[in-house]
């Protein structure tokens, strides 16, 4: 039974990792774009993005998952997500991407605005283009500033992937819960927690390493 549970949890972990990785791949650049849009001088764009971020941050991720997965089928009378596992994972990734991009945008915006304006002005005096100033001055310092809060959000993402079970995606928590539902066993749930702890532990060590490497502005 232990081996059967382990194999099932490993399969669930692969789905959890897939949702986690794809969310980061799409949410990080989208969050940066939203951050730029929220600082845009074009007021309608800035207003729309701020409203979007406010709505997404102010409503539960579980609710967003349900709406994104079930909504299109009810509104369009055609489920755009296939009923198989890949469709559920795709819907989960879309929901997580939108949610975390909004959170990341706030962090990116804080990091960009936290860079002293005098340093950008100094770059202009030295004849640097706006592109060079952003990548060689602003971005380097922004990364240093956003890593601690970003690492917290990314670690939270690991645990939030468990919400994908609400749309029956076979992720880690779903795998552990299935044994309690079918066989009345509770110990697989505690075993599931071990997988999460290992995942989060590896990420914590990685971000601690990154933060030490980014100590170049001390």
C-alpha atoms as a PDB file:
ATOM      1  CA  UNK A   1       0.000   0.000   0.000  1.00  0.00           C
ATOM      2  CA  UNK A   2       2.857   2.377   0.851  1.00  0.00           C
ATOM      3  CA  UNK A   3       4.379   1.933  -2.591  1.00  0.00           C
ATOM      4  CA  UNK A   4       0.993   2.400  -4.260  1.00  0.00           C
ATOM      5  CA  UNK A   5       0.441   5.642  -2.344  1.00  0.00           C
ATOM      6  CA  UNK A   6       3.964   6.841  -3.170  1.00  0.00           C
ATOM      7  CA  UNK A   7       3.512   6.234  -6.908  1.00  0.00           C
ATOM      8  CA  UNK A   8       0.138   7.997  -6.860  1.00  0.00           C
ATOM      9  CA  UNK A   9       1.566  10.981  -4.998  1.00  0.00           C
ATOM     10  CA  UNK A  10       4.522  11.185  -7.381  1.00  0.00           C
ATOM     11  CA  UNK A  11       2.089  11.330 -10.301  1.00  0.00           C
ATOM     12  CA  UNK A  12       0.169  14.068  -8.506  1.00  0.00           C
ATOM     13  CA  UNK A  13       3.427  15.880  -7.811  1.00  0.00           C
ATOM     14  CA  UNK A  14       4.242  15.909 -11.524  1.00  0.00           C
ATOM     15  CA  UNK A  15       0.950  17.666 -12.221  1.00  0.00           C
ATOM     16  CA  UNK A  16       1.555  20.079  -9.359  1.00  0.00           C
ATOM     17  CA  UNK A  17       5.008  20.872 -10.736  1.00  0.00           C
ATOM     18  CA  UNK A  18       3.599  21.314 -14.242  1.00  0.00           C
ATOM     19  CA  UNK A  19       0.988  23.813 -13.028  1.00  0.00           C
ATOM     20  CA  UNK A  20       3.629  25.574 -10.910  1.00  0.00           C
ATOM     21  CA  UNK A  21       6.202  25.869 -13.694  1.00  0.00           C
ATOM     22  CA  UNK A  22       3.787  26.931 -16.437  1.00  0.00           C
ATOM     23  CA  UNK A  23       2.241  29.528 -14.145  1.00  0.00           C
ATOM     24  CA  UNK A  24       5.640  31.105 -13.519  1.00  0.00           C
ATOM     25  CA  UNK A  25       6.580  31.007 -17.207  1.00  0.00           C
ATOM     26  CA  UNK A  26       3.473  32.983 -18.163  1.00  0.00           C
ATOM     27  CA  UNK A  27       2.755  35.024 -15.014  1.00  0.00           C
ATOM     28  CA  UNK A  28       6.188  36.633 -14.607  1.00  0.00           C
ATOM     29  CA  UNK A  29       6.312  38.389 -18.026  1.00  0.00           C
ATOM     30  CA  UNK A  30       2.586  39.173 -17.874  1.00  0.00           C
ATOM     31  CA  UNK A  31       3.057  40.662 -14.419  1.00  0.00           C
ATOM     32  CA  UNK A  32       5.849  42.877 -15.729  1.00  0.00           C
ATOM     33  CA  UNK A  33       3.626  44.064 -18.589  1.00  0.00           C
ATOM     34  CA  UNK A  34       0.813  44.823 -16.156  1.00  0.00           C
ATOM     35  CA  UNK A  35       3.264  46.736 -13.969  1.00  0.00           C
ATOM     36  CA  UNK A  36       4.270  48.905 -16.921  1.00  0.00           C
ATOM     37  CA  UNK A  37       0.616  49.394 -17.833  1.00  0.00           C
ATOM     38  CA  UNK A  38      -0.265  50.433 -14.282  1.00  0.00           C
ATOM     39  CA  UNK A  39       2.419  53.123 -14.508  1.00  0.00           C
ATOM     40  CA  UNK A  40       1.427  54.235 -18.002  1.00  0.00           C
ATOM     41  CA  UNK A  41       0.779  57.895 -18.706  1.00  0.00           C
ATOM     42  CA  UNK A  42      -2.246  56.812 -20.746  1.00  0.00           C
ATOM     43  CA  UNK A  43      -4.948  57.113 -18.089  1.00  0.00           C
ATOM     44  CA  UNK A  44      -7.586  54.750 -19.557  1.00  0.00           C
ATOM     45  CA  UNK A  45      -5.035  51.937 -19.782  1.00  0.00           C
ATOM     46  CA  UNK A  46      -3.729  52.638 -16.293  1.00  0.00           C
ATOM     47  CA  UNK A  47      -7.265  52.717 -14.900  1.00  0.00           C
ATOM     48  CA  UNK A  48      -8.309  49.445 -16.586  1.00  0.00           C
ATOM     49  CA  UNK A  49      -5.253  47.591 -15.303  1.00  0.00           C
ATOM     50  CA  UNK A  50      -5.694  48.933 -11.798  1.00  0.00           C
ATOM     51  CA  UNK A  51      -9.335  47.782 -11.830  1.00  0.00           C
ATOM     52  CA  UNK A  52      -8.305  44.337 -13.103  1.00  0.00           C
ATOM     53  CA  UNK A  53      -5.645  43.976 -10.407  1.00  0.00           C
ATOM     54  CA  UNK A  54      -8.088  45.132  -7.740  1.00  0.00           C
ATOM     55  CA  UNK A  55     -10.713  42.573  -8.811  1.00  0.00           C
ATOM     56  CA  UNK A  56      -8.294  39.663  -9.058  1.00  0.00           C
ATOM     57  CA  UNK A  57      -6.574  40.434  -5.756  1.00  0.00           C
ATOM     58  CA  UNK A  58      -9.902  41.027  -4.039  1.00  0.00           C
ATOM     59  CA  UNK A  59     -11.594  37.745  -4.968  1.00  0.00           C
ATOM     60  CA  UNK A  60     -10.669  34.175  -3.959  1.00  0.00           C
ATOM     61  CA  UNK A  61      -8.486  32.174  -6.313  1.00  0.00           C
ATOM     62  CA  UNK A  62     -10.844  29.217  -5.884  1.00  0.00           C
ATOM     63  CA  UNK A  63     -13.726  31.334  -7.191  1.00  0.00           C
ATOM     64  CA  UNK A  64     -11.622  32.405 -10.179  1.00  0.00           C
ATOM     65  CA  UNK A  65     -10.810  28.759 -10.936  1.00  0.00           C
ATOM     66  CA  UNK A  66     -14.471  27.799 -10.912  1.00  0.00           C
ATOM     67  CA  UNK A  67     -15.488  30.725 -13.121  1.00  0.00           C
ATOM     68  CA  UNK A  68     -12.700  30.158 -15.658  1.00  0.00           C
ATOM     69  CA  UNK A  69     -13.289  26.406 -15.901  1.00  0.00           C
ATOM     70  CA  UNK A  70     -17.088  26.247 -15.849  1.00  0.00           C
ATOM     71  CA  UNK A  71     -17.980  29.729 -17.109  1.00  0.00           C
ATOM     72  CA  UNK A  72     -17.248  29.355 -20.848  1.00  0.00           C
ATOM     73  CA  UNK A  73     -19.300  26.170 -21.064  1.00  0.00           C
ATOM     74  CA  UNK A  74     -22.300  27.866 -19.452  1.00  0.00           C
ATOM     75  CA  UNK A  75     -21.999  31.157 -21.346  1.00  0.00           C
ATOM     76  CA  UNK A  76     -21.057  29.818 -24.788  1.00  0.00           C
ATOM     77  CA  UNK A  77     -22.798  26.450 -24.528  1.00  0.00           C
ATOM     78  CA  UNK A  78     -19.443  24.984 -25.480  1.00  0.00           C
ATOM     79  CA  UNK A  79     -16.751  23.947 -23.034  1.00  0.00           C
ATOM     80  CA  UNK A  80     -13.515  25.383 -24.441  1.00  0.00           C
ATOM     81  CA  UNK A  81     -11.553  23.180 -22.040  1.00  0.00           C
ATOM     82  CA  UNK A  82     -11.591  19.522 -22.995  1.00  0.00           C
ATOM     83  CA  UNK A  83     -13.104  17.274 -20.379  1.00  0.00           C
ATOM     84  CA  UNK A  84      -9.893  15.293 -19.950  1.00  0.00           C
ATOM     85  CA  UNK A  85      -7.008  15.927 -17.573  1.00  0.00           C
ATOM     86  CA  UNK A  86      -5.078  18.155 -19.986  1.00  0.00           C
ATOM     87  CA  UNK A  87      -8.057  20.513 -20.279  1.00  0.00           C
ATOM     88  CA  UNK A  88      -8.360  20.787 -16.514  1.00  0.00           C
ATOM     89  CA  UNK A  89      -4.653  21.505 -16.177  1.00  0.00           C
ATOM     90  CA  UNK A  90      -4.847  24.144 -18.926  1.00  0.00           C
ATOM     91  CA  UNK A  91      -7.766  25.871 -17.193  1.00  0.00           C
ATOM     92  CA  UNK A  92      -5.894  25.766 -13.895  1.00  0.00           C
ATOM     93  CA  UNK A  93      -2.780  27.295 -15.471  1.00  0.00           C
ATOM     94  CA  UNK A  94      -4.850  30.092 -17.047  1.00  0.00           C
ATOM     95  CA  UNK A  95      -6.505  30.889 -13.711  1.00  0.00           C
ATOM     96  CA  UNK A  96      -3.226  30.786 -11.771  1.00  0.00           C
ATOM     97  CA  UNK A  97      -1.447  32.865 -14.415  1.00  0.00           C
ATOM     98  CA  UNK A  98      -4.021  35.658 -14.305  1.00  0.00           C
ATOM     99  CA  UNK A  99      -4.110  35.632 -10.508  1.00  0.00           C
ATOM    100  CA  UNK A 100      -0.382  35.614  -9.901  1.00  0.00           C
ATOM    101  CA  UNK A 101       0.396  38.047 -12.724  1.00  0.00           C
ATOM    102  CA  UNK A 102      -1.697  40.625 -10.870  1.00  0.00           C
ATOM    103  CA  UNK A 103       0.170  39.994  -7.621  1.00  0.00           C
ATOM    104  CA  UNK A 104       3.527  40.021  -9.405  1.00  0.00           C
ATOM    105  CA  UNK A 105       2.632  43.310 -11.119  1.00  0.00           C
ATOM    106  CA  UNK A 106       2.288  45.033  -7.751  1.00  0.00           C
ATOM    107  CA  UNK A 107       5.663  43.673  -6.659  1.00  0.00           C
ATOM    108  CA  UNK A 108       7.328  44.684  -9.945  1.00  0.00           C
ATOM    109  CA  UNK A 109       5.817  48.148  -9.753  1.00  0.00           C
ATOM    110  CA  UNK A 110       7.103  48.618  -6.210  1.00  0.00           C
ATOM    111  CA  UNK A 111      10.552  47.456  -7.263  1.00  0.00           C
ATOM    112  CA  UNK A 112      10.692  49.817 -10.251  1.00  0.00           C
ATOM    113  CA  UNK A 113       9.383  52.823  -8.328  1.00  0.00           C
ATOM    114  CA  UNK A 114      11.776  52.043  -5.485  1.00  0.00           C
ATOM    115  CA  UNK A 115      14.816  52.754  -7.649  1.00  0.00           C
ATOM    116  CA  UNK A 116      15.873  56.370  -6.964  1.00  0.00           C
ATOM    117  CA  UNK A 117      15.017  58.679  -9.866  1.00  0.00           C
ATOM    118  CA  UNK A 118      18.436  60.299  -9.500  1.00  0.00           C
ATOM    119  CA  UNK A 119      20.113  57.146 -10.767  1.00  0.00           C
ATOM    120  CA  UNK A 120      18.041  57.166 -13.949  1.00  0.00           C
ATOM    121  CA  UNK A 121      18.813  60.849 -14.388  1.00  0.00           C
ATOM    122  CA  UNK A 122      22.502  60.093 -13.943  1.00  0.00           C
ATOM    123  CA  UNK A 123      22.233  57.530 -16.731  1.00  0.00           C
ATOM    124  CA  UNK A 124      20.712  60.158 -19.009  1.00  0.00           C
ATOM    125  CA  UNK A 125      23.549  62.551 -18.202  1.00  0.00           C
ATOM    126  CA  UNK A 126      26.019  59.821 -19.179  1.00  0.00           C
ATOM    127  CA  UNK A 127      24.291  59.542 -22.557  1.00  0.00           C
ATOM    128  CA  UNK A 128      22.584  56.195 -21.969  1.00  0.00           C
ATOM    129  CA  UNK A 129      19.417  55.419 -23.916  1.00  0.00           C
ATOM    130  CA  UNK A 130      16.148  54.664 -22.089  1.00  0.00           C
ATOM    131  CA  UNK A 131      16.605  50.987 -22.945  1.00  0.00           C
ATOM    132  CA  UNK A 132      20.126  50.945 -21.497  1.00  0.00           C
ATOM    133  CA  UNK A 133      18.980  52.775 -18.368  1.00  0.00           C
ATOM    134  CA  UNK A 134      16.197  50.261 -17.797  1.00  0.00           C
ATOM    135  CA  UNK A 135      18.274  47.114 -18.291  1.00  0.00           C
ATOM    136  CA  UNK A 136      21.574  48.317 -16.778  1.00  0.00           C
ATOM    137  CA  UNK A 137      20.307  50.541 -13.968  1.00  0.00           C
ATOM    138  CA  UNK A 138      16.636  50.043 -13.128  1.00  0.00           C
ATOM    139  CA  UNK A 139      16.235  46.310 -13.748  1.00  0.00           C
ATOM    140  CA  UNK A 140      19.322  45.240 -11.809  1.00  0.00           C
ATOM    141  CA  UNK A 141      18.180  47.119  -8.725  1.00  0.00           C
ATOM    142  CA  UNK A 142      14.546  46.115  -9.245  1.00  0.00           C
ATOM    143  CA  UNK A 143      15.488  42.418  -9.206  1.00  0.00           C
ATOM    144  CA  UNK A 144      17.346  42.926  -5.946  1.00  0.00           C
ATOM    145  CA  UNK A 145      14.273  44.574  -4.402  1.00  0.00           C
ATOM    146  CA  UNK A 146      11.627  42.145  -5.679  1.00  0.00           C
ATOM    147  CA  UNK A 147      13.308  38.821  -4.898  1.00  0.00           C
ATOM    148  CA  UNK A 148      12.219  38.615  -1.196  1.00  0.00           C
ATOM    149  CA  UNK A 149       8.502  39.382  -1.776  1.00  0.00           C
ATOM    150  CA  UNK A 150       8.523  37.435  -5.044  1.00  0.00           C
ATOM    151  CA  UNK A 151       9.955  34.371  -3.314  1.00  0.00           C
ATOM    152  CA  UNK A 152       7.117  34.483  -0.788  1.00  0.00           C
ATOM    153  CA  UNK A 153       4.525  34.591  -3.572  1.00  0.00           C
ATOM    154  CA  UNK A 154       6.202  31.754  -5.468  1.00  0.00           C
ATOM    155  CA  UNK A 155       6.273  29.574  -2.355  1.00  0.00           C
ATOM    156  CA  UNK A 156       2.603  30.408  -1.801  1.00  0.00           C
ATOM    157  CA  UNK A 157       1.963  29.298  -5.390  1.00  0.00           C
ATOM    158  CA  UNK A 158       3.252  25.815  -4.543  1.00  0.00           C
ATOM    159  CA  UNK A 159       0.567  25.469  -1.877  1.00  0.00           C
ATOM    160  CA  UNK A 160      -2.124  27.182  -3.944  1.00  0.00           C
ATOM    161  CA  UNK A 161      -1.779  24.560  -6.679  1.00  0.00           C
ATOM    162  CA  UNK A 162      -3.780  22.314  -4.335  1.00  0.00           C
ATOM    163  CA  UNK A 163      -6.837  24.422  -5.217  1.00  0.00           C
ATOM    164  CA  UNK A 164      -6.798  22.824  -8.684  1.00  0.00           C
ATOM    165  CA  UNK A 165      -8.525  19.819  -7.135  1.00  0.00           C
ATOM    166  CA  UNK A 166     -11.712  21.911  -7.065  1.00  0.00           C
ATOM    167  CA  UNK A 167     -11.959  21.321 -10.834  1.00  0.00           C
ATOM    168  CA  UNK A 168     -10.843  17.684 -10.405  1.00  0.00           C
ATOM    169  CA  UNK A 169      -7.287  18.170 -11.672  1.00  0.00           C
ATOM    170  CA  UNK A 170      -5.247  15.216 -10.435  1.00  0.00           C
ATOM    171  CA  UNK A 171      -2.599  17.138  -8.535  1.00  0.00           C
ATOM    172  CA  UNK A 172      -0.780  16.253  -5.312  1.00  0.00           C
ATOM    173  CA  UNK A 173      -3.547  16.982  -2.799  1.00  0.00           C
ATOM    174  CA  UNK A 174      -6.151  15.246  -4.961  1.00  0.00           C
ATOM    175  CA  UNK A 175      -3.937  12.165  -5.059  1.00  0.00           C
ATOM    176  CA  UNK A 176      -3.604  12.063  -1.266  1.00  0.00           C
ATOM    177  CA  UNK A 177      -7.278  12.787  -0.658  1.00  0.00           C
ATOM    178  CA  UNK A 178      -8.387  10.018  -3.025  1.00  0.00           C
ATOM    179  CA  UNK A 179      -7.068   7.362  -0.608  1.00  0.00           C
ATOM    180  CA  UNK A 180      -9.071   8.797   2.272  1.00  0.00           C
ATOM    181  CA  UNK A 181     -12.172   8.883   0.104  1.00  0.00           C
ATOM    182  CA  UNK A 182     -11.791   5.371  -1.318  1.00  0.00           C
ATOM    183  CA  UNK A 183     -10.099   3.446   1.500  1.00  0.00           C
ATOM    184  CA  UNK A 184     -10.673   5.588   4.585  1.00  0.00           C
ATOM    185  CA  UNK A 185      -6.925   6.145   5.067  1.00  0.00           C
ATOM    186  CA  UNK A 186      -5.692   9.405   6.575  1.00  0.00           C
ATOM    187  CA  UNK A 187      -1.957   8.775   6.681  1.00  0.00           C
ATOM    188  CA  UNK A 188      -1.571   9.505   2.904  1.00  0.00           C
ATOM    189  CA  UNK A 189      -2.652  13.080   3.673  1.00  0.00           C
ATOM    190  CA  UNK A 190       0.248  13.486   6.105  1.00  0.00           C
ATOM    191  CA  UNK A 191       2.525  11.828   3.550  1.00  0.00           C
ATOM    192  CA  UNK A 192       1.269  14.397   1.016  1.00  0.00           C
ATOM    193  CA  UNK A 193       2.406  17.140   3.387  1.00  0.00           C
ATOM    194  CA  UNK A 194       5.942  15.724   3.253  1.00  0.00           C
ATOM    195  CA  UNK A 195       6.029  16.242  -0.521  1.00  0.00           C
ATOM    196  CA  UNK A 196       4.929  19.858  -0.124  1.00  0.00           C
ATOM    197  CA  UNK A 197       7.517  20.457   2.598  1.00  0.00           C
ATOM    198  CA  UNK A 198      10.293  19.077   0.393  1.00  0.00           C
ATOM    199  CA  UNK A 199       9.135  21.197  -2.563  1.00  0.00           C
ATOM    200  CA  UNK A 200       8.960  24.355  -0.451  1.00  0.00           C
ATOM    201  CA  UNK A 201      12.261  23.519   1.266  1.00  0.00           C
ATOM    202  CA  UNK A 202      14.101  23.265  -2.048  1.00  0.00           C
ATOM    203  CA  UNK A 203      12.643  26.582  -3.190  1.00  0.00           C
ATOM    204  CA  UNK A 204      13.569  28.246   0.117  1.00  0.00           C
ATOM    205  CA  UNK A 205      17.183  27.118  -0.222  1.00  0.00           C
ATOM    206  CA  UNK A 206      17.239  28.320  -3.831  1.00  0.00           C
ATOM    207  CA  UNK A 207      15.904  31.789  -2.985  1.00  0.00           C
ATOM    208  CA  UNK A 208      18.293  32.117  -0.037  1.00  0.00           C
ATOM    209  CA  UNK A 209      21.122  31.402  -2.476  1.00  0.00           C
ATOM    210  CA  UNK A 210      19.784  33.945  -4.976  1.00  0.00           C
ATOM    211  CA  UNK A 211      19.434  36.652  -2.305  1.00  0.00           C
ATOM    212  CA  UNK A 212      23.061  36.137  -1.250  1.00  0.00           C
ATOM    213  CA  UNK A 213      24.185  36.424  -4.866  1.00  0.00           C
ATOM    214  CA  UNK A 214      22.250  39.691  -5.223  1.00  0.00           C
ATOM    215  CA  UNK A 215      24.043  41.408  -2.365  1.00  0.00           C
ATOM    216  CA  UNK A 216      26.009  43.502  -4.858  1.00  0.00           C
ATOM    217  CA  UNK A 217      24.268  46.761  -3.815  1.00  0.00           C
ATOM    218  CA  UNK A 218      25.190  46.646  -0.133  1.00  0.00           C
END
